Amino acid sequence: MKWAPALAGIVFSCSGAWANEKQESLFNPVFRATGRMSISDFDFLQPSVFFSPTVPPPGSLRKPIDLIRVKVFPHNDTYSQPQGREALVGHVRFKSAGSCELKLGSGVIKKFAPAKTFQLDTVMIGKGVSRLKCEKLTQVVREAGFSVHTYNGAFELRSEESVVKPTLTVINILPFESYLKGVVPSEMPAGWPAESLKAQAIAARTYAAYQVNDRRTNSPGLFYDVIDTVEDQAYRGQGAEAVAATAAVDSTKGQVLTYQENPIIAYFSADSGGYTEIAMNIWGNDLPYTPTKPEVYDPHSIATSWKKEISRVSIQASLLENGLVPAGFVIQKIEIPSDARSASGRAIQVLLTSSDGQSVSVFGELFRHALQLRSTLFELSGSGPFTFNGKGFGHGVGMNQTGAKVLVQQFSWTHEQILGFYYTGVNLEQL
């Protein structure tokens, strides 16, 4: 059956015994970097910058998910938040209150006593796939200075050869809904309104469902489904779980947003700055269910503005490092042409002019990431140093996490209304 809530634009569908319950991402303790307040210095992107998926056949990606495979070690340069990028990638330590058993790819079994820290490395793991299972929750202890996270479920370990250095890859394998209980409080403060948390739970479940089924279908050689950073969604394991966030996951169990019978790519970001953006202007992919529109609430009612001053030398170095300008290109002028802004006011293209008159046009989202700006919704002034005065935090596509909070606080919206505003023309159904 289908029913329409008070807010137009979303149709919620119930099937079988399921019944609707009315009960950037934004937060993570390290403030997100790269696309999704905690929010780092630049925001959280999912799943990556400039990922342009094709529209899948109806129903092809709507499949039940029992277990999910999450890559939790190591982390790369671009999307290291909230975990941080490790320098030592050839080994990692584990510790559990219960006994642990490691089954190597060779078939050899090793056992580890409770409450003892043990180290696994590429030499021990060798070829093939090794599996580690502990009787109780397990800590993954990375190098000094990095957070220690606690996980439930089992682990899969692989030794990957590299010309630079051998890498030990660690995959946490656990039930899909358990994974979400670690994601929601990593993406949104658990002290926020219950309806906001429910909206986050559904968006996170939907995003993960799309990625899992898409990658298993189209990238069968990939040995993990998602990454624990903002490249996908922040996931800090069982240690991040919070009562309110868990309740949001449980009360919306199995619910996902669908378009043409498939889970949508449910992008979300920390703060839209007062106006959401379409995916085409950020990643180049056309998603009909993520419209550009002004927020219902007054953006001046929240702290959304930011300012950043950057020297000409720093800008030049960052753009060169990211391959956005050729070697020898000396920046003289930076501007955003009047026709290079979207309806939301975001910079789609940034025009750079060199001292010898050459010009280079850089895609706005790439420019933002290279300079670690909070958003592309900014005005630019100065001639070196350059001053960026902006609004918002993140790419602005899909659900605005801050908006999800404000809409409940100011207008008493339900999670259905929140999702119906940020994602249009979709259904709410059981996966």
Protein backbone atom coordinates (compact mmCIF):
# COMPACT_ATOMS: atom_id res chain seq x y z
CA MET A 1 0.00 0.00 0.00
CA LYS A 2 1.04 3.60 -0.41
CA TRP A 3 0.20 6.74 1.48
CA ALA A 4 1.21 10.35 1.10
CA PRO A 5 2.33 12.42 4.06
CA ALA A 6 1.50 16.08 4.51
CA LEU A 7 4.58 17.13 2.57
CA ALA A 8 4.43 16.64 -1.17
CA GLY A 9 7.28 15.08 -3.09
CA ILE A 10 7.66 11.75 -1.32
CA VAL A 11 5.48 8.67 -1.34
CA PHE A 12 5.96 6.16 1.43
CA SER A 13 5.20 2.56 0.59
CA CYS A 14 4.52 -0.30 2.97
CA SER A 15 4.82 -3.91 1.93
CA GLY A 16 4.22 -7.17 3.72
CA ALA A 17 3.95 -6.89 7.48
CA TRP A 18 5.87 -3.65 7.69
CA ALA A 19 3.99 -0.67 9.08
CA ASN A 20 5.10 2.91 9.19
CA GLU A 21 6.05 4.26 12.59
CA LYS A 22 6.04 7.96 13.39
CA GLN A 23 8.24 8.42 16.22
CA GLU A 24 27.15 15.14 6.61
CA SER A 25 26.98 14.72 7.46
CA LEU A 26 27.22 16.56 10.09
CA PHE A 27 28.77 15.42 13.21
CA ASN A 28 31.74 13.44 14.03
CA PRO A 29 33.99 14.15 16.96
CA VAL A 30 36.81 15.09 14.66
CA PHE A 31 34.78 17.48 12.51
CA ARG A 32 34.65 16.05 9.06
CA ALA A 33 37.14 16.65 6.36
CA THR A 34 36.31 16.07 2.70
CA GLY A 35 32.69 16.40 2.51
CA ARG A 36 30.54 15.39 5.55
CA MET A 37 30.47 20.19 11.97
CA SER A 38 31.97 18.03 14.30
CA ILE A 39 32.45 18.47 10.70
CA SER A 40 35.98 18.74 9.75
CA ASP A 41 37.61 21.50 7.97
CA PHE A 42 36.04 20.71 4.73
CA ASP A 43 32.99 18.24 4.83
CA PHE A 44 32.01 14.77 3.86
CA LEU A 45 31.72 13.39 0.41
CA GLN A 46 30.04 10.16 -0.44
CA PRO A 47 31.15 8.04 -2.15
CA SER A 48 33.87 10.04 -3.84
CA VAL A 49 34.30 13.22 -5.76
CA PHE A 50 33.14 12.91 -9.31
CA PHE A 51 31.63 9.47 -9.16
CA SER A 52 29.01 9.33 -11.89
CA PRO A 53 26.94 6.15 -11.64
CA THR A 54 24.71 4.97 -14.41
CA VAL A 55 21.02 4.49 -13.66
CA PRO A 56 20.60 0.80 -12.70
CA PRO A 57 17.73 -1.31 -14.08
CA PRO A 58 14.61 -1.08 -11.87
CA GLY A 59 14.88 -3.35 -8.84
CA SER A 60 18.38 -4.59 -9.71
CA LEU A 61 19.97 -3.09 -6.59
CA ARG A 62 17.17 -3.74 -4.14
CA LYS A 63 18.42 -6.86 -2.42
CA PRO A 64 18.37 -7.84 1.26
CA ILE A 65 21.69 -7.41 3.05
CA ASP A 66 22.63 -9.70 5.90
CA LEU A 67 26.30 -8.93 6.48
CA ILE A 68 28.33 -5.92 5.40
CA ARG A 69 32.10 -5.75 4.83
CA VAL A 70 33.65 -2.52 6.11
CA LYS A 71 37.25 -1.58 5.41
CA VAL A 72 38.60 -0.22 8.71
CA PHE A 73 42.36 -0.23 8.01
CA PRO A 74 44.35 1.42 6.48
CA HIS A 75 43.16 4.82 5.23
CA ASN A 76 44.19 6.80 2.18
CA ASP A 77 45.21 10.40 1.62
CA THR A 78 42.02 11.92 0.31
CA TYR A 79 39.38 10.55 2.64
CA SER A 80 41.12 9.98 5.95
CA GLN A 81 38.47 11.53 8.20
CA PRO A 82 37.44 10.73 10.83
CA GLN A 83 40.04 8.00 11.28
CA GLY A 84 43.26 9.65 10.10
CA ARG A 85 45.79 8.37 7.60
CA GLU A 86 48.33 5.91 8.98
CA ALA A 87 52.01 5.85 8.09
CA LEU A 88 52.51 2.25 9.24
CA VAL A 89 50.27 0.13 7.06
CA GLY A 90 52.00 -3.24 7.19
CA HIS A 91 50.78 -4.25 10.64
CA VAL A 92 48.07 -3.56 13.18
CA ARG A 93 47.33 -4.74 16.72
CA PHE A 94 44.19 -6.30 18.17
CA LYS A 95 42.91 -6.78 21.70
CA SER A 96 39.78 -8.48 23.04
CA ALA A 97 38.40 -9.38 26.47
CA GLY A 98 37.68 -12.81 25.03
CA SER A 99 39.91 -15.35 23.32
CA CYS A 100 40.56 -14.95 19.59
CA GLU A 101 41.18 -17.40 16.78
CA LEU A 102 42.97 -16.58 13.54
CA LYS A 103 42.56 -18.89 10.59
CA LEU A 104 45.22 -18.18 8.00
CA GLY A 105 44.71 -18.62 4.28
CA SER A 106 47.03 -21.61 4.48
CA GLY A 107 44.63 -23.31 6.89
CA VAL A 108 46.89 -22.87 9.93
CA ILE A 109 45.00 -21.77 13.05
CA LYS A 110 46.50 -19.50 15.70
CA LYS A 111 44.90 -18.70 19.03
CA PHE A 112 45.31 -15.62 21.24
CA ALA A 113 44.55 -15.35 24.95
CA PRO A 114 41.96 -12.90 26.35
CA ALA A 115 42.99 -9.37 27.35
CA LYS A 116 46.32 -9.66 25.52
CA THR A 117 47.33 -7.31 22.72
CA PHE A 118 48.64 -9.19 19.68
CA GLN A 119 50.05 -7.90 16.42
CA LEU A 120 49.31 -9.19 12.95
CA ASP A 121 51.38 -8.22 9.93
CA THR A 122 51.72 -8.92 6.23
CA VAL A 123 54.38 -11.60 6.79
CA MET A 124 52.20 -13.61 9.17
CA ILE A 125 49.07 -13.23 7.04
CA GLY A 126 50.88 -14.19 3.84
CA LYS A 127 48.89 -15.09 0.78
CA GLY A 128 45.17 -15.68 0.68
CA VAL A 129 42.46 -14.49 3.02
CA SER A 130 42.77 -14.84 6.80
CA ARG A 131 39.89 -14.58 9.22
CA LEU A 132 39.96 -13.43 12.82
CA LYS A 133 37.12 -14.07 15.23
CA CYS A 134 37.03 -13.17 18.93
CA GLU A 135 34.56 -14.25 21.58
CA LYS A 136 33.92 -10.66 22.66
CA LEU A 137 34.24 -7.12 21.33
CA THR A 138 37.57 -6.44 19.66
CA GLN A 139 39.76 -3.35 19.65
CA VAL A 140 41.80 -2.40 16.61
CA VAL A 141 44.90 -0.64 17.95
CA ARG A 142 46.59 1.48 15.33
CA GLU A 143 49.90 3.32 15.59
CA ALA A 144 50.54 5.84 18.39
CA GLY A 145 48.47 9.01 18.15
CA PHE A 146 45.48 7.37 16.46
CA SER A 147 42.13 6.53 17.99
CA VAL A 148 41.41 3.00 19.17
CA HIS A 149 38.02 1.76 18.04
CA THR A 150 36.05 -1.22 19.32
CA TYR A 151 34.14 -3.49 16.96
CA ASN A 152 31.74 -6.39 17.04
CA GLY A 153 31.65 -9.03 14.35
CA ALA A 154 34.62 -10.77 12.74
CA PHE A 155 37.55 -9.60 10.62
CA GLU A 156 38.99 -10.53 7.28
CA LEU A 157 42.67 -9.76 6.68
CA ARG A 158 44.57 -9.57 3.42
CA SER A 159 48.21 -8.88 2.66
CA GLU A 160 48.47 -6.66 -0.39
CA GLU A 161 51.78 -6.34 -2.20
CA SER A 162 53.02 -2.89 -3.13
CA VAL A 163 56.17 -1.49 -4.69
CA VAL A 164 56.29 1.10 -1.90
CA LYS A 165 55.33 -1.04 1.10
CA PRO A 166 53.26 -4.18 1.76
CA THR A 167 49.85 -3.32 3.16
CA LEU A 168 47.69 -5.23 5.61
CA THR A 169 44.03 -4.59 4.87
CA VAL A 170 41.49 -5.19 7.64
CA ILE A 171 37.80 -5.69 6.91
CA ASN A 172 35.18 -5.72 9.69
CA ILE A 173 32.34 -8.12 8.85
CA LEU A 174 29.15 -7.62 10.83
CA PRO A 175 25.33 -7.53 10.51
CA PHE A 176 24.08 -4.67 8.34
CA GLU A 177 21.84 -3.10 11.02
CA SER A 178 24.65 -3.34 13.60
CA TYR A 179 26.87 -1.38 11.22
CA LEU A 180 24.28 1.40 11.06
CA LYS A 181 24.27 1.68 14.86
CA GLY A 182 27.91 2.71 14.59
CA VAL A 183 27.31 5.02 11.63
CA VAL A 184 24.43 7.20 12.86
CA PRO A 185 26.18 8.59 15.99
CA SER A 186 29.35 9.02 13.92
CA GLU A 187 27.45 11.17 11.45
CA MET A 188 25.04 13.06 13.73
CA PRO A 189 25.20 13.93 17.46
CA ALA A 190 23.11 11.43 19.43
CA GLY A 191 21.73 14.32 21.51
CA TRP A 192 19.86 15.74 18.53
CA PRO A 193 16.06 15.32 18.17
CA ALA A 194 14.80 11.77 17.72
CA GLU A 195 13.13 12.58 14.41
CA SER A 196 16.40 13.98 13.06
CA LEU A 197 18.20 10.79 14.07
CA LYS A 198 15.55 8.67 12.35
CA ALA A 199 15.99 10.66 9.15
CA GLN A 200 19.74 10.11 9.44
CA ALA A 201 19.27 6.39 10.06
CA ILE A 202 17.16 5.97 6.93
CA ALA A 203 19.50 8.09 4.81
CA ALA A 204 22.53 6.13 6.06
CA ARG A 205 20.84 2.78 5.50
CA THR A 206 19.76 3.80 2.02
CA TYR A 207 23.19 5.07 1.05
CA ALA A 208 24.86 1.89 2.30
CA ALA A 209 22.27 -0.35 0.62
CA TYR A 210 22.93 1.30 -2.72
CA GLN A 211 26.70 1.06 -2.40
CA VAL A 212 26.73 -2.55 -1.17
CA ASN A 213 24.46 -3.87 -3.89
CA ASP A 214 26.02 -1.71 -6.62
CA ARG A 215 29.58 -2.74 -5.76
CA ARG A 216 28.74 -6.42 -5.35
CA THR A 217 26.99 -6.35 -8.72
CA ASN A 218 29.36 -4.18 -10.75
CA SER A 219 32.68 -4.68 -8.94
CA PRO A 220 32.65 -8.35 -7.94
CA GLY A 221 36.42 -8.35 -7.39
CA LEU A 222 36.20 -5.72 -4.66
CA PHE A 223 36.60 -7.47 -1.32
CA TYR A 224 34.84 -4.86 0.82
CA ASP A 225 31.51 -3.05 0.51
CA VAL A 226 32.16 0.32 2.13
CA ILE A 227 34.98 2.25 3.82
CA ASP A 228 34.70 3.56 7.40
CA THR A 229 35.54 7.15 6.48
CA VAL A 230 33.69 9.97 4.77
CA GLU A 231 34.54 8.41 1.45
CA ASP A 232 31.36 6.53 2.24
CA GLN A 233 30.03 7.16 5.75
CA ALA A 234 31.84 7.65 9.04
CA TYR A 235 31.80 4.44 11.08
CA ARG A 236 33.62 4.23 14.41
CA GLY A 237 32.46 0.79 15.41
CA GLN A 238 30.53 -0.44 18.41
CA GLY A 239 32.35 2.01 20.67
CA ALA A 240 30.53 4.90 19.00
CA GLU A 241 27.06 3.52 19.68
CA ALA A 242 24.61 5.65 21.67
CA VAL A 243 21.17 4.78 23.05
CA ALA A 244 19.25 7.43 21.08
CA ALA A 245 21.00 6.63 17.81
CA THR A 246 20.44 2.89 18.28
CA ALA A 247 16.75 3.57 18.93
CA ALA A 248 16.57 5.50 15.65
CA VAL A 249 18.09 2.58 13.76
CA ASP A 250 15.83 0.02 15.46
CA SER A 251 12.62 2.02 14.97
CA THR A 252 13.28 2.37 11.22
CA LYS A 253 14.68 -1.13 10.75
CA GLY A 254 15.00 -2.11 7.10
CA GLN A 255 13.53 1.14 5.74
CA VAL A 256 15.16 2.68 2.69
CA LEU A 257 14.32 5.38 0.17
CA THR A 258 13.82 4.07 -3.35
CA TYR A 259 13.54 5.52 -6.84
CA GLN A 260 12.49 3.27 -9.71
CA GLU A 261 12.52 0.36 -7.22
CA ASN A 262 16.19 0.80 -6.26
CA PRO A 263 17.71 2.39 -3.15
CA ILE A 264 18.78 5.93 -3.98
CA ILE A 265 22.26 7.36 -3.52
CA ALA A 266 21.16 9.18 -0.39
CA TYR A 267 23.77 11.92 -0.22
CA PHE A 268 23.74 14.14 2.85
CA SER A 269 25.94 16.97 4.09
CA ALA A 270 26.44 19.00 7.23
CA ASP A 271 24.87 22.34 6.29
CA SER A 272 23.42 23.52 2.97
CA GLY A 273 24.07 27.17 3.78
CA GLY A 274 20.41 27.93 3.11
CA TYR A 275 20.06 26.34 -0.33
CA THR A 276 20.51 22.73 -1.45
CA GLU A 277 22.36 21.73 -4.61
CA ILE A 278 21.85 19.23 -7.43
CA ALA A 279 24.32 16.39 -7.85
CA MET A 280 25.14 17.40 -11.42
CA ASN A 281 26.88 20.55 -10.21
CA ILE A 282 28.98 18.63 -7.68
CA TRP A 283 29.83 15.23 -9.21
CA GLY A 284 28.48 15.46 -12.72
CA ASN A 285 25.76 12.84 -12.25
CA ASP A 286 22.08 13.54 -12.77
CA LEU A 287 20.00 12.41 -9.78
CA PRO A 288 16.38 13.52 -10.20
CA TYR A 289 15.56 13.01 -6.53
CA THR A 290 18.08 15.56 -5.15
CA PRO A 291 16.66 18.98 -6.13
CA THR A 292 18.12 22.42 -5.61
CA LYS A 293 15.83 24.52 -3.42
CA PRO A 294 15.90 27.10 -0.61
CA GLU A 295 15.57 25.87 2.95
CA VAL A 296 12.21 26.30 4.72
CA TYR A 297 13.86 27.87 7.75
CA ASP A 298 15.74 31.17 7.87
CA PRO A 299 19.44 30.28 7.42
CA HIS A 300 20.33 33.39 9.42
CA SER A 301 18.79 31.69 12.46
CA ILE A 302 21.81 29.36 12.67
CA ALA A 303 25.57 29.83 12.48
CA THR A 304 26.22 29.00 8.85
CA SER A 305 28.77 31.60 7.69
CA TRP A 306 32.51 31.07 7.46
CA LYS A 307 35.57 33.00 6.34
CA LYS A 308 38.99 31.84 5.22
CA GLU A 309 42.00 33.81 4.00
CA ILE A 310 44.63 32.03 1.89
CA SER A 311 47.87 33.36 0.45
CA ARG A 312 48.55 33.27 -3.25
CA VAL A 313 51.52 30.96 -2.68
CA SER A 314 49.44 28.47 -0.67
CA ILE A 315 46.68 28.41 -3.26
CA GLN A 316 49.18 27.86 -6.04
CA ALA A 317 50.88 25.01 -4.18
CA SER A 318 47.59 23.29 -3.32
CA LEU A 319 46.24 23.49 -6.86
CA LEU A 320 49.51 22.22 -8.31
CA GLU A 321 49.66 19.36 -5.81
CA ASN A 322 46.15 18.32 -6.82
CA GLY A 323 46.93 18.53 -10.53
CA LEU A 324 44.55 21.40 -11.19
CA VAL A 325 47.10 23.75 -12.77
CA PRO A 326 50.14 22.92 -14.90
CA ALA A 327 53.69 23.30 -13.63
CA GLY A 328 54.93 26.85 -14.04
CA PHE A 329 51.42 28.32 -13.92
CA VAL A 330 51.74 31.48 -11.76
CA ILE A 331 48.33 32.63 -10.50
CA GLN A 332 47.61 36.29 -11.03
CA LYS A 333 43.83 36.38 -10.74
CA ILE A 334 41.03 34.16 -9.42
CA GLU A 335 37.42 34.83 -10.32
CA ILE A 336 34.05 33.17 -10.63
CA PRO A 337 32.33 34.19 -13.89
CA SER A 338 28.73 35.35 -13.52
CA ASP A 339 27.49 32.41 -15.54
CA ALA A 340 29.54 29.89 -13.54
CA ARG A 341 27.30 29.85 -10.48
CA SER A 342 24.41 27.47 -9.91
CA ALA A 343 20.89 28.46 -8.87
CA SER A 344 21.97 28.00 -5.24
CA GLY A 345 24.83 30.45 -5.73
CA ARG A 346 27.59 27.82 -5.59
CA ALA A 347 30.69 28.16 -7.74
CA ILE A 348 30.51 25.53 -10.46
CA GLN A 349 33.66 26.76 -12.18
CA VAL A 350 36.56 28.88 -10.93
CA LEU A 351 38.60 30.79 -13.54
CA LEU A 352 42.33 31.15 -12.90
CA THR A 353 44.47 33.58 -14.91
CA SER A 354 48.26 33.38 -14.91
CA SER A 355 50.80 36.20 -14.96
CA ASP A 356 51.43 35.60 -18.66
CA GLY A 357 47.74 35.70 -19.60
CA GLN A 358 46.95 31.99 -19.72
CA SER A 359 43.68 30.83 -18.18
CA VAL A 360 42.55 27.59 -16.57
CA SER A 361 39.01 26.72 -15.54
CA VAL A 362 38.73 24.48 -12.47
CA PHE A 363 35.61 22.60 -11.41
CA GLY A 364 34.29 24.24 -8.23
CA GLU A 365 34.15 21.11 -6.09
CA LEU A 366 37.73 20.18 -6.99
CA PHE A 367 38.83 23.72 -6.17
CA ARG A 368 37.07 23.51 -2.78
CA HIS A 369 38.74 20.25 -1.85
CA ALA A 370 42.17 21.38 -2.93
CA LEU A 371 41.92 24.47 -0.69
CA GLN A 372 39.94 22.70 2.07
CA LEU A 373 37.06 25.19 1.91
CA ARG A 374 33.87 24.35 3.74
CA SER A 375 31.70 24.70 0.66
CA THR A 376 31.53 26.14 -2.85
CA LEU A 377 28.91 28.61 -1.67
CA PHE A 378 31.32 31.52 -1.28
CA GLU A 379 32.23 35.01 -2.47
CA LEU A 380 35.84 35.79 -3.31
CA SER A 381 37.73 39.05 -2.72
CA GLY A 382 41.31 40.27 -2.66
CA SER A 383 44.21 39.78 -4.99
CA GLY A 384 46.58 37.89 -2.70
CA PRO A 385 45.95 36.96 -0.03
CA PHE A 386 42.48 35.94 -1.20
CA THR A 387 39.52 36.03 1.17
CA PHE A 388 36.70 33.51 0.90
CA ASN A 389 33.43 34.44 2.64
CA GLY A 390 31.07 31.51 2.52
CA LYS A 391 28.05 29.75 3.91
CA GLY A 392 27.33 26.12 4.66
CA PHE A 393 29.45 23.05 5.21
CA GLY A 394 29.72 20.33 2.61
CA HIS A 395 28.51 19.67 -0.89
CA GLY A 396 24.87 20.58 -0.19
CA VAL A 397 23.36 17.62 -2.09
CA GLY A 398 20.52 15.68 -0.49
CA MET A 399 19.70 15.90 3.19
CA ASN A 400 21.05 18.85 5.15
CA GLN A 401 21.92 17.40 8.55
CA THR A 402 21.73 20.76 10.31
CA GLY A 403 18.44 21.34 8.55
CA ALA A 404 17.15 18.00 9.83
CA LYS A 405 17.73 19.32 13.35
CA VAL A 406 16.32 22.81 12.77
CA LEU A 407 13.16 21.55 11.04
CA VAL A 408 12.29 19.49 14.11
CA GLN A 409 13.17 22.22 16.59
CA GLN A 410 11.41 25.07 14.77
CA PHE A 411 8.56 23.32 12.97
CA SER A 412 8.15 19.95 14.73
CA TRP A 413 8.65 18.06 11.49
CA THR A 414 8.70 14.27 11.46
CA HIS A 415 11.48 12.26 9.87
CA GLU A 416 9.13 11.51 6.96
CA GLN A 417 8.68 15.22 6.29
CA ILE A 418 12.41 15.86 6.52
CA LEU A 419 13.20 13.12 4.02
CA GLY A 420 10.33 14.21 1.78
CA PHE A 421 11.76 17.71 1.57
CA TYR A 422 15.35 16.77 0.77
CA TYR A 423 14.66 13.79 -1.52
CA THR A 424 11.76 14.22 -3.95
CA GLY A 425 9.77 11.63 -5.87
CA VAL A 426 11.02 8.70 -3.79
CA ASN A 427 9.32 5.89 -1.90
CA LEU A 428 9.97 4.73 1.64
CA GLU A 429 9.99 0.94 1.57
CA GLN A 430 11.47 -2.13 3.19
CA LEU A 431 14.75 -3.23 1.67
